[in-house]
């Protein structure tokens, strides 16, 4: 109505507040309470403010925070456990491609990680794979063991659901589950390029770490579960029905991952890129392209890696993709991971 009446929204709300301040305050408070309870007290004041603006209510975030504080509706939070990792195995470690990768569409970069969840009588382990562009959870698995099958189930679920094209970069830490010969064989079988973080550096895996924090603070720490199956049902509901479809993500312009992917496909956010099998990674003054089809042409297990120089000539790099630089001497993995990993996970040819 504001464009038809040729008045600003701010002017309308000032007029409304002056004429009916109590009604306006009750309307805002009721909307805040509805949003908070609809999202089971997972939203903080920033996301509540964003949701109010999506509904056409121009409300200041400070006012929303004050209302939530007065009504005891602030998001539930608990302090997470602090865990340390240690280097251990002698398996092959791959270069970090995700740090400088240029992403323009879903299913170009997948980020994977493992965490633990504490139940009343046991610890269980949870593996997840997140799309690095849309922040959508594409695969996950929940088990009582840290063996390689935990990560393999999550990877196979992601592949079955998304059917990615060749050239996808799979990024993880240097844990033994992701470096095992069995896991790398699945990646190479689907023409994916492995990528691993630097030792003891969580920033390279920040997207997956951020989602795990969201899961723990908005779901795990707010509930008590009877057993593993009860936890599995709650996590399934949280990911499939809430996080991927409804929860507003600040990195996506306060859209849900499903809404963001739909906007990409419709072309309302950015033009949809043409299908390609080449991944581009930018370094200082250099653009390197990874061709996953090079393996079929004799380019090696890591695919073809070429370097475009200033003169436009492309030369092969001095080292292959699967060779480790000096600072990739070891992989981070907790003692529990090393103790629980099966002997089949370690390639006997790579033992010291």
C-alpha atoms as a PDB file:
ATOM      1  CA  UNK A   1       0.000   0.000   0.000  1.00  0.00           C
ATOM      2  CA  UNK A   2       2.918   2.354   0.611  1.00  0.00           C
ATOM      3  CA  UNK A   3       3.865   2.751  -3.106  1.00  0.00           C
ATOM      4  CA  UNK A   4       0.212   3.348  -4.017  1.00  0.00           C
ATOM      5  CA  UNK A   5      -0.137   6.022  -1.324  1.00  0.00           C
ATOM      6  CA  UNK A   6       3.311   7.443  -2.214  1.00  0.00           C
ATOM      7  CA  UNK A   7       4.562   7.260   1.367  1.00  0.00           C
ATOM      8  CA  UNK A   8       7.634   5.585   2.822  1.00  0.00           C
ATOM      9  CA  UNK A   9       7.455   2.514   5.026  1.00  0.00           C
ATOM     10  CA  UNK A  10       9.217   4.371   7.821  1.00  0.00           C
ATOM     11  CA  UNK A  11       6.630   7.155   7.630  1.00  0.00           C
ATOM     12  CA  UNK A  12       3.776   4.655   7.705  1.00  0.00           C
ATOM     13  CA  UNK A  13       5.134   2.906  10.803  1.00  0.00           C
ATOM     14  CA  UNK A  14       5.740   6.222  12.552  1.00  0.00           C
ATOM     15  CA  UNK A  15       2.139   7.173  11.816  1.00  0.00           C
ATOM     16  CA  UNK A  16       0.959   3.781  13.017  1.00  0.00           C
ATOM     17  CA  UNK A  17       2.957   4.042  16.239  1.00  0.00           C
ATOM     18  CA  UNK A  18       1.607   7.515  16.938  1.00  0.00           C
ATOM     19  CA  UNK A  19      -2.023   6.563  16.287  1.00  0.00           C
ATOM     20  CA  UNK A  20      -2.024   3.094  17.834  1.00  0.00           C
ATOM     21  CA  UNK A  21       1.190   2.521  19.786  1.00  0.00           C
ATOM     22  CA  UNK A  22      -0.172  -0.281  21.970  1.00  0.00           C
ATOM     23  CA  UNK A  23      -1.614  -2.193  19.004  1.00  0.00           C
ATOM     24  CA  UNK A  24       1.631  -1.824  17.070  1.00  0.00           C
ATOM     25  CA  UNK A  25       3.700  -3.035  20.030  1.00  0.00           C
ATOM     26  CA  UNK A  26       1.439  -6.054  20.530  1.00  0.00           C
ATOM     27  CA  UNK A  27       1.633  -6.869  16.812  1.00  0.00           C
ATOM     28  CA  UNK A  28       5.441  -6.849  16.853  1.00  0.00           C
ATOM     29  CA  UNK A  29       5.642  -8.823  20.105  1.00  0.00           C
ATOM     30  CA  UNK A  30       3.202 -11.445  18.818  1.00  0.00           C
ATOM     31  CA  UNK A  31       5.185 -11.826  15.595  1.00  0.00           C
ATOM     32  CA  UNK A  32       8.456 -12.218  17.521  1.00  0.00           C
ATOM     33  CA  UNK A  33       6.939 -14.868  19.792  1.00  0.00           C
ATOM     34  CA  UNK A  34       5.490 -16.741  16.813  1.00  0.00           C
ATOM     35  CA  UNK A  35       8.841 -16.833  14.983  1.00  0.00           C
ATOM     36  CA  UNK A  36      10.812 -17.896  18.066  1.00  0.00           C
ATOM     37  CA  UNK A  37       8.410 -20.699  18.972  1.00  0.00           C
ATOM     38  CA  UNK A  38       8.075 -21.808  15.345  1.00  0.00           C
ATOM     39  CA  UNK A  39      11.840 -22.346  15.199  1.00  0.00           C
ATOM     40  CA  UNK A  40      11.944 -23.922  18.698  1.00  0.00           C
ATOM     41  CA  UNK A  41      14.044 -21.121  20.203  1.00  0.00           C
ATOM     42  CA  UNK A  42      16.898 -21.770  17.777  1.00  0.00           C
ATOM     43  CA  UNK A  43      16.847 -18.280  16.281  1.00  0.00           C
ATOM     44  CA  UNK A  44      18.751 -15.374  17.800  1.00  0.00           C
ATOM     45  CA  UNK A  45      17.616 -11.781  17.502  1.00  0.00           C
ATOM     46  CA  UNK A  46      19.410 -11.265  14.163  1.00  0.00           C
ATOM     47  CA  UNK A  47      17.537 -14.051  12.372  1.00  0.00           C
ATOM     48  CA  UNK A  48      14.269 -13.054  14.039  1.00  0.00           C
ATOM     49  CA  UNK A  49      14.807  -9.517  12.714  1.00  0.00           C
ATOM     50  CA  UNK A  50      15.537 -10.873   9.238  1.00  0.00           C
ATOM     51  CA  UNK A  51      12.363 -12.992   9.314  1.00  0.00           C
ATOM     52  CA  UNK A  52      10.287  -9.990  10.426  1.00  0.00           C
ATOM     53  CA  UNK A  53      11.616  -7.977   7.495  1.00  0.00           C
ATOM     54  CA  UNK A  54      10.819 -10.827   5.127  1.00  0.00           C
ATOM     55  CA  UNK A  55       7.244 -10.487   6.379  1.00  0.00           C
ATOM     56  CA  UNK A  56       7.260  -6.747   5.682  1.00  0.00           C
ATOM     57  CA  UNK A  57       7.748  -5.476   9.242  1.00  0.00           C
ATOM     58  CA  UNK A  58      10.609  -2.973   9.448  1.00  0.00           C
ATOM     59  CA  UNK A  59      11.733  -3.443  13.054  1.00  0.00           C
ATOM     60  CA  UNK A  60      15.104  -2.506  14.514  1.00  0.00           C
ATOM     61  CA  UNK A  61      17.250  -5.422  15.729  1.00  0.00           C
ATOM     62  CA  UNK A  62      17.810  -3.728  19.108  1.00  0.00           C
ATOM     63  CA  UNK A  63      14.094  -3.640  19.700  1.00  0.00           C
ATOM     64  CA  UNK A  64      13.788  -7.320  18.787  1.00  0.00           C
ATOM     65  CA  UNK A  65      16.595  -8.208  21.213  1.00  0.00           C
ATOM     66  CA  UNK A  66      14.884  -6.234  23.984  1.00  0.00           C
ATOM     67  CA  UNK A  67      11.537  -7.971  23.387  1.00  0.00           C
ATOM     68  CA  UNK A  68      13.164 -11.407  23.370  1.00  0.00           C
ATOM     69  CA  UNK A  69      15.017 -10.600  26.593  1.00  0.00           C
ATOM     70  CA  UNK A  70      11.856  -9.355  28.325  1.00  0.00           C
ATOM     71  CA  UNK A  71       9.861 -12.436  27.225  1.00  0.00           C
ATOM     72  CA  UNK A  72      12.701 -14.887  28.032  1.00  0.00           C
ATOM     73  CA  UNK A  73      12.885 -15.981  24.411  1.00  0.00           C
ATOM     74  CA  UNK A  74      16.625 -15.726  23.828  1.00  0.00           C
ATOM     75  CA  UNK A  75      18.145 -18.678  21.958  1.00  0.00           C
ATOM     76  CA  UNK A  76      19.291 -21.619  24.075  1.00  0.00           C
ATOM     77  CA  UNK A  77      23.064 -21.959  24.170  1.00  0.00           C
ATOM     78  CA  UNK A  78      25.553 -24.136  26.022  1.00  0.00           C
ATOM     79  CA  UNK A  79      29.294 -24.104  26.017  1.00  0.00           C
ATOM     80  CA  UNK A  80      30.654 -26.803  23.761  1.00  0.00           C
ATOM     81  CA  UNK A  81      33.386 -29.236  24.681  1.00  0.00           C
ATOM     82  CA  UNK A  82      36.946 -28.357  23.695  1.00  0.00           C
ATOM     83  CA  UNK A  83      38.700 -31.178  21.869  1.00  0.00           C
ATOM     84  CA  UNK A  84      42.304 -31.416  20.635  1.00  0.00           C
ATOM     85  CA  UNK A  85      43.698 -33.386  17.709  1.00  0.00           C
ATOM     86  CA  UNK A  86      47.006 -35.130  17.214  1.00  0.00           C
ATOM     87  CA  UNK A  87      48.985 -36.181  14.164  1.00  0.00           C
ATOM     88  CA  UNK A  88      49.472 -39.870  13.615  1.00  0.00           C
ATOM     89  CA  UNK A  89      49.196 -41.885  10.403  1.00  0.00           C
ATOM     90  CA  UNK A  90      51.574 -42.073   7.439  1.00  0.00           C
ATOM     91  CA  UNK A  91      48.945 -42.140   4.689  1.00  0.00           C
ATOM     92  CA  UNK A  92      49.068 -39.858   1.690  1.00  0.00           C
ATOM     93  CA  UNK A  93      48.006 -36.233   2.295  1.00  0.00           C
ATOM     94  CA  UNK A  94      46.612 -34.100  -0.534  1.00  0.00           C
ATOM     95  CA  UNK A  95      47.032 -30.432  -1.365  1.00  0.00           C
ATOM     96  CA  UNK A  96      44.584 -27.846  -0.026  1.00  0.00           C
ATOM     97  CA  UNK A  97      42.506 -26.775  -3.047  1.00  0.00           C
ATOM     98  CA  UNK A  98      39.438 -25.457  -1.212  1.00  0.00           C
ATOM     99  CA  UNK A  99      41.232 -22.460   0.291  1.00  0.00           C
ATOM    100  CA  UNK A 100      41.589 -20.627  -3.036  1.00  0.00           C
ATOM    101  CA  UNK A 101      38.903 -22.333  -5.081  1.00  0.00           C
ATOM    102  CA  UNK A 102      36.485 -20.206  -7.112  1.00  0.00           C
ATOM    103  CA  UNK A 103      32.917 -21.463  -6.574  1.00  0.00           C
ATOM    104  CA  UNK A 104      30.003 -20.411  -8.785  1.00  0.00           C
ATOM    105  CA  UNK A 105      27.421 -23.211  -8.394  1.00  0.00           C
ATOM    106  CA  UNK A 106      26.451 -26.104  -6.106  1.00  0.00           C
ATOM    107  CA  UNK A 107      28.317 -29.411  -6.259  1.00  0.00           C
ATOM    108  CA  UNK A 108      31.689 -27.868  -7.056  1.00  0.00           C
ATOM    109  CA  UNK A 109      33.076 -28.197  -3.513  1.00  0.00           C
ATOM    110  CA  UNK A 110      32.044 -30.569  -0.743  1.00  0.00           C
ATOM    111  CA  UNK A 111      33.408 -30.106   2.772  1.00  0.00           C
ATOM    112  CA  UNK A 112      33.458 -33.099   5.145  1.00  0.00           C
ATOM    113  CA  UNK A 113      34.167 -33.532   8.845  1.00  0.00           C
ATOM    114  CA  UNK A 114      33.529 -35.764  11.879  1.00  0.00           C
ATOM    115  CA  UNK A 115      32.380 -34.877  15.402  1.00  0.00           C
ATOM    116  CA  UNK A 116      31.113 -36.727  18.442  1.00  0.00           C
ATOM    117  CA  UNK A 117      27.800 -36.480  20.289  1.00  0.00           C
ATOM    118  CA  UNK A 118      27.512 -37.392  23.949  1.00  0.00           C
ATOM    119  CA  UNK A 119      24.482 -39.430  24.975  1.00  0.00           C
ATOM    120  CA  UNK A 120      23.531 -40.376  28.517  1.00  0.00           C
ATOM    121  CA  UNK A 121      25.454 -43.660  28.459  1.00  0.00           C
ATOM    122  CA  UNK A 122      27.797 -43.531  25.453  1.00  0.00           C
ATOM    123  CA  UNK A 123      29.567 -41.438  22.834  1.00  0.00           C
ATOM    124  CA  UNK A 124      28.471 -41.701  19.203  1.00  0.00           C
ATOM    125  CA  UNK A 125      30.171 -40.276  16.125  1.00  0.00           C
ATOM    126  CA  UNK A 126      28.673 -38.234  13.333  1.00  0.00           C
ATOM    127  CA  UNK A 127      30.098 -37.588   9.843  1.00  0.00           C
ATOM    128  CA  UNK A 128      28.699 -34.887   7.567  1.00  0.00           C
ATOM    129  CA  UNK A 129      29.278 -33.481   4.085  1.00  0.00           C
ATOM    130  CA  UNK A 130      28.242 -29.886   3.334  1.00  0.00           C
ATOM    131  CA  UNK A 131      28.080 -28.194  -0.054  1.00  0.00           C
ATOM    132  CA  UNK A 132      30.601 -25.359  -0.019  1.00  0.00           C
ATOM    133  CA  UNK A 133      28.463 -23.063  -2.187  1.00  0.00           C
ATOM    134  CA  UNK A 134      24.900 -23.413  -0.912  1.00  0.00           C
ATOM    135  CA  UNK A 135      25.784 -24.644   2.644  1.00  0.00           C
ATOM    136  CA  UNK A 136      23.338 -27.505   2.158  1.00  0.00           C
ATOM    137  CA  UNK A 137      23.913 -30.790   3.995  1.00  0.00           C
ATOM    138  CA  UNK A 138      24.206 -33.359   1.206  1.00  0.00           C
ATOM    139  CA  UNK A 139      25.212 -36.433   3.220  1.00  0.00           C
ATOM    140  CA  UNK A 140      25.653 -37.612   6.805  1.00  0.00           C
ATOM    141  CA  UNK A 141      26.025 -40.756   8.893  1.00  0.00           C
ATOM    142  CA  UNK A 142      25.754 -41.674  12.574  1.00  0.00           C
ATOM    143  CA  UNK A 143      27.578 -44.645  14.109  1.00  0.00           C
ATOM    144  CA  UNK A 144      29.036 -45.942  17.360  1.00  0.00           C
ATOM    145  CA  UNK A 145      32.462 -46.399  15.800  1.00  0.00           C
ATOM    146  CA  UNK A 146      35.080 -44.217  14.107  1.00  0.00           C
ATOM    147  CA  UNK A 147      35.930 -46.774  11.453  1.00  0.00           C
ATOM    148  CA  UNK A 148      36.086 -45.737   7.797  1.00  0.00           C
ATOM    149  CA  UNK A 149      32.572 -47.006   7.114  1.00  0.00           C
ATOM    150  CA  UNK A 150      31.236 -43.969   9.023  1.00  0.00           C
ATOM    151  CA  UNK A 151      32.589 -41.544   6.420  1.00  0.00           C
ATOM    152  CA  UNK A 152      31.865 -43.908   3.523  1.00  0.00           C
ATOM    153  CA  UNK A 153      28.151 -44.037   4.370  1.00  0.00           C
ATOM    154  CA  UNK A 154      27.972 -40.238   4.392  1.00  0.00           C
ATOM    155  CA  UNK A 155      29.852 -40.018   1.081  1.00  0.00           C
ATOM    156  CA  UNK A 156      27.709 -42.647  -0.638  1.00  0.00           C
ATOM    157  CA  UNK A 157      24.529 -40.914   0.545  1.00  0.00           C
ATOM    158  CA  UNK A 158      25.771 -37.578  -0.839  1.00  0.00           C
ATOM    159  CA  UNK A 159      26.652 -39.141  -4.195  1.00  0.00           C
ATOM    160  CA  UNK A 160      23.283 -40.899  -4.451  1.00  0.00           C
ATOM    161  CA  UNK A 161      21.330 -37.734  -3.654  1.00  0.00           C
ATOM    162  CA  UNK A 162      23.296 -35.205  -5.708  1.00  0.00           C
ATOM    163  CA  UNK A 163      24.851 -37.188  -8.598  1.00  0.00           C
ATOM    164  CA  UNK A 164      27.715 -34.695  -9.000  1.00  0.00           C
ATOM    165  CA  UNK A 165      29.552 -34.186 -12.291  1.00  0.00           C
ATOM    166  CA  UNK A 166      33.253 -35.052 -12.598  1.00  0.00           C
ATOM    167  CA  UNK A 167      35.578 -32.393 -11.207  1.00  0.00           C
ATOM    168  CA  UNK A 168      34.038 -31.916  -7.774  1.00  0.00           C
ATOM    169  CA  UNK A 169      36.597 -31.101  -5.054  1.00  0.00           C
ATOM    170  CA  UNK A 170      36.145 -33.068  -1.817  1.00  0.00           C
ATOM    171  CA  UNK A 171      37.753 -31.239   1.105  1.00  0.00           C
ATOM    172  CA  UNK A 172      38.363 -32.684   4.570  1.00  0.00           C
ATOM    173  CA  UNK A 173      40.881 -32.714   7.380  1.00  0.00           C
ATOM    174  CA  UNK A 174      43.822 -35.109   7.408  1.00  0.00           C
ATOM    175  CA  UNK A 175      42.047 -37.750   9.495  1.00  0.00           C
ATOM    176  CA  UNK A 176      42.742 -41.404   8.852  1.00  0.00           C
ATOM    177  CA  UNK A 177      39.162 -42.038   7.710  1.00  0.00           C
ATOM    178  CA  UNK A 178      39.481 -39.583   4.803  1.00  0.00           C
ATOM    179  CA  UNK A 179      43.049 -40.581   3.908  1.00  0.00           C
ATOM    180  CA  UNK A 180      42.352 -44.327   3.834  1.00  0.00           C
ATOM    181  CA  UNK A 181      42.785 -46.190   0.564  1.00  0.00           C
ATOM    182  CA  UNK A 182      39.140 -47.314   0.608  1.00  0.00           C
ATOM    183  CA  UNK A 183      37.784 -43.766   0.886  1.00  0.00           C
ATOM    184  CA  UNK A 184      40.149 -42.329  -1.735  1.00  0.00           C
ATOM    185  CA  UNK A 185      39.192 -45.150  -4.113  1.00  0.00           C
ATOM    186  CA  UNK A 186      35.532 -44.094  -3.943  1.00  0.00           C
ATOM    187  CA  UNK A 187      36.511 -40.482  -4.665  1.00  0.00           C
ATOM    188  CA  UNK A 188      38.623 -41.473  -7.648  1.00  0.00           C
ATOM    189  CA  UNK A 189      35.901 -43.848  -8.881  1.00  0.00           C
ATOM    190  CA  UNK A 190      33.512 -40.871  -9.156  1.00  0.00           C
ATOM    191  CA  UNK A 191      36.271 -38.588 -10.537  1.00  0.00           C
ATOM    192  CA  UNK A 192      36.387 -36.347  -7.474  1.00  0.00           C
ATOM    193  CA  UNK A 193      39.546 -34.472  -6.512  1.00  0.00           C
ATOM    194  CA  UNK A 194      40.705 -34.914  -2.884  1.00  0.00           C
ATOM    195  CA  UNK A 195      41.698 -31.852  -0.873  1.00  0.00           C
ATOM    196  CA  UNK A 196      42.854 -31.648   2.750  1.00  0.00           C
ATOM    197  CA  UNK A 197      43.319 -28.926   5.342  1.00  0.00           C
ATOM    198  CA  UNK A 198      46.586 -27.872   6.888  1.00  0.00           C
ATOM    199  CA  UNK A 199      47.484 -29.629  10.150  1.00  0.00           C
ATOM    200  CA  UNK A 200      45.682 -28.276  13.229  1.00  0.00           C
ATOM    201  CA  UNK A 201      43.994 -25.512  11.201  1.00  0.00           C
ATOM    202  CA  UNK A 202      40.173 -25.466  11.530  1.00  0.00           C
ATOM    203  CA  UNK A 203      39.771 -22.348   9.381  1.00  0.00           C
ATOM    204  CA  UNK A 204      40.236 -24.306   6.139  1.00  0.00           C
ATOM    205  CA  UNK A 205      37.210 -26.392   7.155  1.00  0.00           C
ATOM    206  CA  UNK A 206      35.212 -23.490   8.557  1.00  0.00           C
ATOM    207  CA  UNK A 207      31.957 -24.142   6.676  1.00  0.00           C
ATOM    208  CA  UNK A 208      31.600 -27.640   8.084  1.00  0.00           C
ATOM    209  CA  UNK A 209      32.722 -26.550  11.559  1.00  0.00           C
ATOM    210  CA  UNK A 210      30.083 -23.797  11.491  1.00  0.00           C
ATOM    211  CA  UNK A 211      27.326 -26.266  10.640  1.00  0.00           C
ATOM    212  CA  UNK A 212      28.420 -28.631  13.407  1.00  0.00           C
ATOM    213  CA  UNK A 213      28.261 -25.763  15.870  1.00  0.00           C
ATOM    214  CA  UNK A 214      24.743 -24.983  14.636  1.00  0.00           C
ATOM    215  CA  UNK A 215      23.661 -28.606  15.021  1.00  0.00           C
ATOM    216  CA  UNK A 216      25.045 -28.888  18.531  1.00  0.00           C
ATOM    217  CA  UNK A 217      23.711 -25.575  19.821  1.00  0.00           C
ATOM    218  CA  UNK A 218      20.287 -25.644  18.153  1.00  0.00           C
ATOM    219  CA  UNK A 219      19.490 -29.360  18.387  1.00  0.00           C
ATOM    220  CA  UNK A 220      21.821 -31.549  20.462  1.00  0.00           C
ATOM    221  CA  UNK A 221      22.315 -29.307  23.497  1.00  0.00           C
ATOM    222  CA  UNK A 222      18.585 -28.501  23.654  1.00  0.00           C
ATOM    223  CA  UNK A 223      17.327 -32.087  23.880  1.00  0.00           C
ATOM    224  CA  UNK A 224      17.863 -35.317  25.745  1.00  0.00           C
ATOM    225  CA  UNK A 225      17.834 -38.512  23.686  1.00  0.00           C
ATOM    226  CA  UNK A 226      16.882 -42.005  24.808  1.00  0.00           C
ATOM    227  CA  UNK A 227      19.344 -43.850  22.582  1.00  0.00           C
ATOM    228  CA  UNK A 228      21.081 -43.761  19.214  1.00  0.00           C
ATOM    229  CA  UNK A 229      17.908 -44.325  17.205  1.00  0.00           C
ATOM    230  CA  UNK A 230      16.127 -41.470  18.962  1.00  0.00           C
ATOM    231  CA  UNK A 231      19.085 -39.209  18.144  1.00  0.00           C
ATOM    232  CA  UNK A 232      19.015 -40.372  14.520  1.00  0.00           C
ATOM    233  CA  UNK A 233      15.337 -39.455  14.166  1.00  0.00           C
ATOM    234  CA  UNK A 234      15.870 -35.987  15.621  1.00  0.00           C
ATOM    235  CA  UNK A 235      18.902 -35.259  13.427  1.00  0.00           C
ATOM    236  CA  UNK A 236      17.036 -36.451  10.327  1.00  0.00           C
ATOM    237  CA  UNK A 237      14.191 -34.076  11.106  1.00  0.00           C
ATOM    238  CA  UNK A 238      16.567 -31.215  11.900  1.00  0.00           C
ATOM    239  CA  UNK A 239      18.529 -31.546   8.632  1.00  0.00           C
ATOM    240  CA  UNK A 240      15.851 -32.548   6.120  1.00  0.00           C
ATOM    241  CA  UNK A 241      12.864 -30.620   7.407  1.00  0.00           C
ATOM    242  CA  UNK A 242      14.447 -27.621   9.121  1.00  0.00           C
ATOM    243  CA  UNK A 243      18.057 -26.747   8.271  1.00  0.00           C
ATOM    244  CA  UNK A 244      18.033 -27.408   4.517  1.00  0.00           C
ATOM    245  CA  UNK A 245      14.525 -26.082   3.912  1.00  0.00           C
ATOM    246  CA  UNK A 246      13.598 -23.469   6.522  1.00  0.00           C
ATOM    247  CA  UNK A 247      16.522 -22.080   8.515  1.00  0.00           C
ATOM    248  CA  UNK A 248      17.776 -18.709   7.291  1.00  0.00           C
ATOM    249  CA  UNK A 249      21.533 -18.688   6.680  1.00  0.00           C
ATOM    250  CA  UNK A 250      23.392 -15.424   7.156  1.00  0.00           C
ATOM    251  CA  UNK A 251      26.034 -16.317   4.534  1.00  0.00           C
ATOM    252  CA  UNK A 252      23.269 -16.784   1.927  1.00  0.00           C
ATOM    253  CA  UNK A 253      21.638 -13.398   2.438  1.00  0.00           C
ATOM    254  CA  UNK A 254      19.281 -14.843   5.049  1.00  0.00           C
ATOM    255  CA  UNK A 255      17.895 -17.539   2.749  1.00  0.00           C
ATOM    256  CA  UNK A 256      17.621 -21.237   3.426  1.00  0.00           C
ATOM    257  CA  UNK A 257      19.974 -23.518   1.445  1.00  0.00           C
ATOM    258  CA  UNK A 258      17.064 -24.939  -0.565  1.00  0.00           C
ATOM    259  CA  UNK A 259      15.754 -21.454  -1.330  1.00  0.00           C
ATOM    260  CA  UNK A 260      19.232 -20.291  -2.331  1.00  0.00           C
ATOM    261  CA  UNK A 261      19.736 -23.222  -4.717  1.00  0.00           C
ATOM    262  CA  UNK A 262      16.305 -22.617  -6.243  1.00  0.00           C
ATOM    263  CA  UNK A 263      17.193 -18.958  -6.785  1.00  0.00           C
ATOM    264  CA  UNK A 264      20.472 -19.972  -8.436  1.00  0.00           C
ATOM    265  CA  UNK A 265      18.677 -22.332 -10.813  1.00  0.00           C
ATOM    266  CA  UNK A 266      16.083 -19.667 -11.620  1.00  0.00           C
ATOM    267  CA  UNK A 267      18.837 -17.133 -12.315  1.00  0.00           C
ATOM    268  CA  UNK A 268      17.568 -14.563  -9.802  1.00  0.00           C
ATOM    269  CA  UNK A 269      20.809 -14.526  -7.773  1.00  0.00           C
ATOM    270  CA  UNK A 270      23.477 -15.100 -10.419  1.00  0.00           C
ATOM    271  CA  UNK A 271      23.571 -16.573 -13.916  1.00  0.00           C
ATOM    272  CA  UNK A 272      23.715 -20.327 -13.871  1.00  0.00           C
ATOM    273  CA  UNK A 273      27.154 -21.480 -15.001  1.00  0.00           C
ATOM    274  CA  UNK A 274      27.570 -23.751 -17.978  1.00  0.00           C
ATOM    275  CA  UNK A 275      28.339 -27.410 -17.202  1.00  0.00           C
ATOM    276  CA  UNK A 276      32.074 -27.949 -16.958  1.00  0.00           C
ATOM    277  CA  UNK A 277      34.392 -30.697 -15.821  1.00  0.00           C
ATOM    278  CA  UNK A 278      37.253 -28.360 -14.922  1.00  0.00           C
ATOM    279  CA  UNK A 279      37.846 -26.854 -11.468  1.00  0.00           C
ATOM    280  CA  UNK A 280      39.701 -23.522 -11.318  1.00  0.00           C
ATOM    281  CA  UNK A 281      41.953 -22.689  -8.370  1.00  0.00           C
ATOM    282  CA  UNK A 282      43.510 -19.231  -8.025  1.00  0.00           C
ATOM    283  CA  UNK A 283      46.952 -18.562  -6.529  1.00  0.00           C
ATOM    284  CA  UNK A 284      48.982 -15.376  -6.548  1.00  0.00           C
ATOM    285  CA  UNK A 285      49.308 -14.461 -10.225  1.00  0.00           C
ATOM    286  CA  UNK A 286      48.468 -18.034 -11.301  1.00  0.00           C
ATOM    287  CA  UNK A 287      45.281 -19.829 -12.324  1.00  0.00           C
ATOM    288  CA  UNK A 288      45.459 -23.610 -12.142  1.00  0.00           C
ATOM    289  CA  UNK A 289      42.886 -25.894 -13.766  1.00  0.00           C
ATOM    290  CA  UNK A 290      42.244 -29.467 -12.683  1.00  0.00           C
ATOM    291  CA  UNK A 291      40.907 -31.791 -15.370  1.00  0.00           C
ATOM    292  CA  UNK A 292      39.446 -34.980 -13.849  1.00  0.00           C
ATOM    293  CA  UNK A 293      39.336 -36.590 -17.295  1.00  0.00           C
ATOM    294  CA  UNK A 294      43.131 -36.512 -17.488  1.00  0.00           C
ATOM    295  CA  UNK A 295      43.312 -39.812 -15.608  1.00  0.00           C
ATOM    296  CA  UNK A 296      41.723 -41.588 -18.536  1.00  0.00           C
ATOM    297  CA  UNK A 297      44.288 -39.886 -20.781  1.00  0.00           C
ATOM    298  CA  UNK A 298      47.217 -41.034 -18.656  1.00  0.00           C
ATOM    299  CA  UNK A 299      47.431 -38.020 -16.387  1.00  0.00           C
ATOM    300  CA  UNK A 300      47.742 -39.940 -13.096  1.00  0.00           C
ATOM    301  CA  UNK A 301      45.419 -40.568 -10.158  1.00  0.00           C
ATOM    302  CA  UNK A 302      45.095 -36.917  -9.215  1.00  0.00           C
ATOM    303  CA  UNK A 303      43.946 -35.731 -12.624  1.00  0.00           C
ATOM    304  CA  UNK A 304      45.666 -33.233 -14.920  1.00  0.00           C
ATOM    305  CA  UNK A 305      46.929 -30.039 -13.266  1.00  0.00           C
ATOM    306  CA  UNK A 306      48.125 -27.251 -15.566  1.00  0.00           C
ATOM    307  CA  UNK A 307      49.430 -23.772 -14.886  1.00  0.00           C
ATOM    308  CA  UNK A 308      48.497 -20.741 -17.015  1.00  0.00           C
ATOM    309  CA  UNK A 309      51.385 -18.266 -17.135  1.00  0.00           C
ATOM    310  CA  UNK A 310      51.526 -14.655 -18.229  1.00  0.00           C
ATOM    311  CA  UNK A 311      52.351 -15.534 -21.855  1.00  0.00           C
ATOM    312  CA  UNK A 312      49.298 -17.764 -22.147  1.00  0.00           C
ATOM    313  CA  UNK A 313      51.361 -20.989 -22.367  1.00  0.00           C
ATOM    314  CA  UNK A 314      50.275 -23.917 -20.212  1.00  0.00           C
ATOM    315  CA  UNK A 315      52.957 -26.112 -18.653  1.00  0.00           C
ATOM    316  CA  UNK A 316      52.604 -29.043 -16.264  1.00  0.00           C
ATOM    317  CA  UNK A 317      53.377 -28.212 -12.655  1.00  0.00           C
ATOM    318  CA  UNK A 318      56.644 -29.208 -11.081  1.00  0.00           C
ATOM    319  CA  UNK A 319      54.833 -31.529  -8.635  1.00  0.00           C
ATOM    320  CA  UNK A 320      51.784 -33.732  -9.013  1.00  0.00           C
ATOM    321  CA  UNK A 321      48.554 -33.043  -7.191  1.00  0.00           C
ATOM    322  CA  UNK A 322      48.970 -36.009  -4.838  1.00  0.00           C
ATOM    323  CA  UNK A 323      52.434 -34.994  -3.623  1.00  0.00           C
ATOM    324  CA  UNK A 324      52.643 -33.387  -0.190  1.00  0.00           C
ATOM    325  CA  UNK A 325      54.502 -30.109   0.455  1.00  0.00           C
ATOM    326  CA  UNK A 326      56.796 -29.659   3.447  1.00  0.00           C
ATOM    327  CA  UNK A 327      54.087 -28.499   5.845  1.00  0.00           C
ATOM    328  CA  UNK A 328      51.868 -31.509   5.082  1.00  0.00           C
ATOM    329  CA  UNK A 329      53.989 -33.934   7.064  1.00  0.00           C
ATOM    330  CA  UNK A 330      51.193 -35.456   9.148  1.00  0.00           C
ATOM    331  CA  UNK A 331      47.441 -35.631   9.600  1.00  0.00           C
ATOM    332  CA  UNK A 332      45.318 -34.502  12.503  1.00  0.00           C
ATOM    333  CA  UNK A 333      43.337 -37.229  14.172  1.00  0.00           C
ATOM    334  CA  UNK A 334      42.244 -37.777  17.732  1.00  0.00           C
ATOM    335  CA  UNK A 335      43.608 -40.728  19.752  1.00  0.00           C
ATOM    336  CA  UNK A 336      40.139 -42.266  19.761  1.00  0.00           C
ATOM    337  CA  UNK A 337      40.079 -42.148  15.962  1.00  0.00           C
ATOM    338  CA  UNK A 338      43.429 -43.920  15.695  1.00  0.00           C
ATOM    339  CA  UNK A 339      42.403 -46.578  18.210  1.00  0.00           C
ATOM    340  CA  UNK A 340      39.003 -47.227  16.609  1.00  0.00           C
ATOM    341  CA  UNK A 341      40.025 -47.211  12.947  1.00  0.00           C
ATOM    342  CA  UNK A 342      40.153 -50.721  11.528  1.00  0.00           C
ATOM    343  CA  UNK A 343      43.363 -52.203  10.231  1.00  0.00           C
ATOM    344  CA  UNK A 344      41.754 -52.488   6.796  1.00  0.00           C
ATOM    345  CA  UNK A 345      41.648 -48.706   6.625  1.00  0.00           C
ATOM    346  CA  UNK A 346      45.445 -48.457   6.369  1.00  0.00           C
ATOM    347  CA  UNK A 347      47.170 -49.342   3.124  1.00  0.00           C
ATOM    348  CA  UNK A 348      49.989 -51.776   4.041  1.00  0.00           C
ATOM    349  CA  UNK A 349      52.119 -50.416   1.201  1.00  0.00           C
ATOM    350  CA  UNK A 350      52.249 -46.997   2.851  1.00  0.00           C
ATOM    351  CA  UNK A 351      53.375 -48.155   6.310  1.00  0.00           C
ATOM    352  CA  UNK A 352      56.732 -46.882   7.570  1.00  0.00           C
END
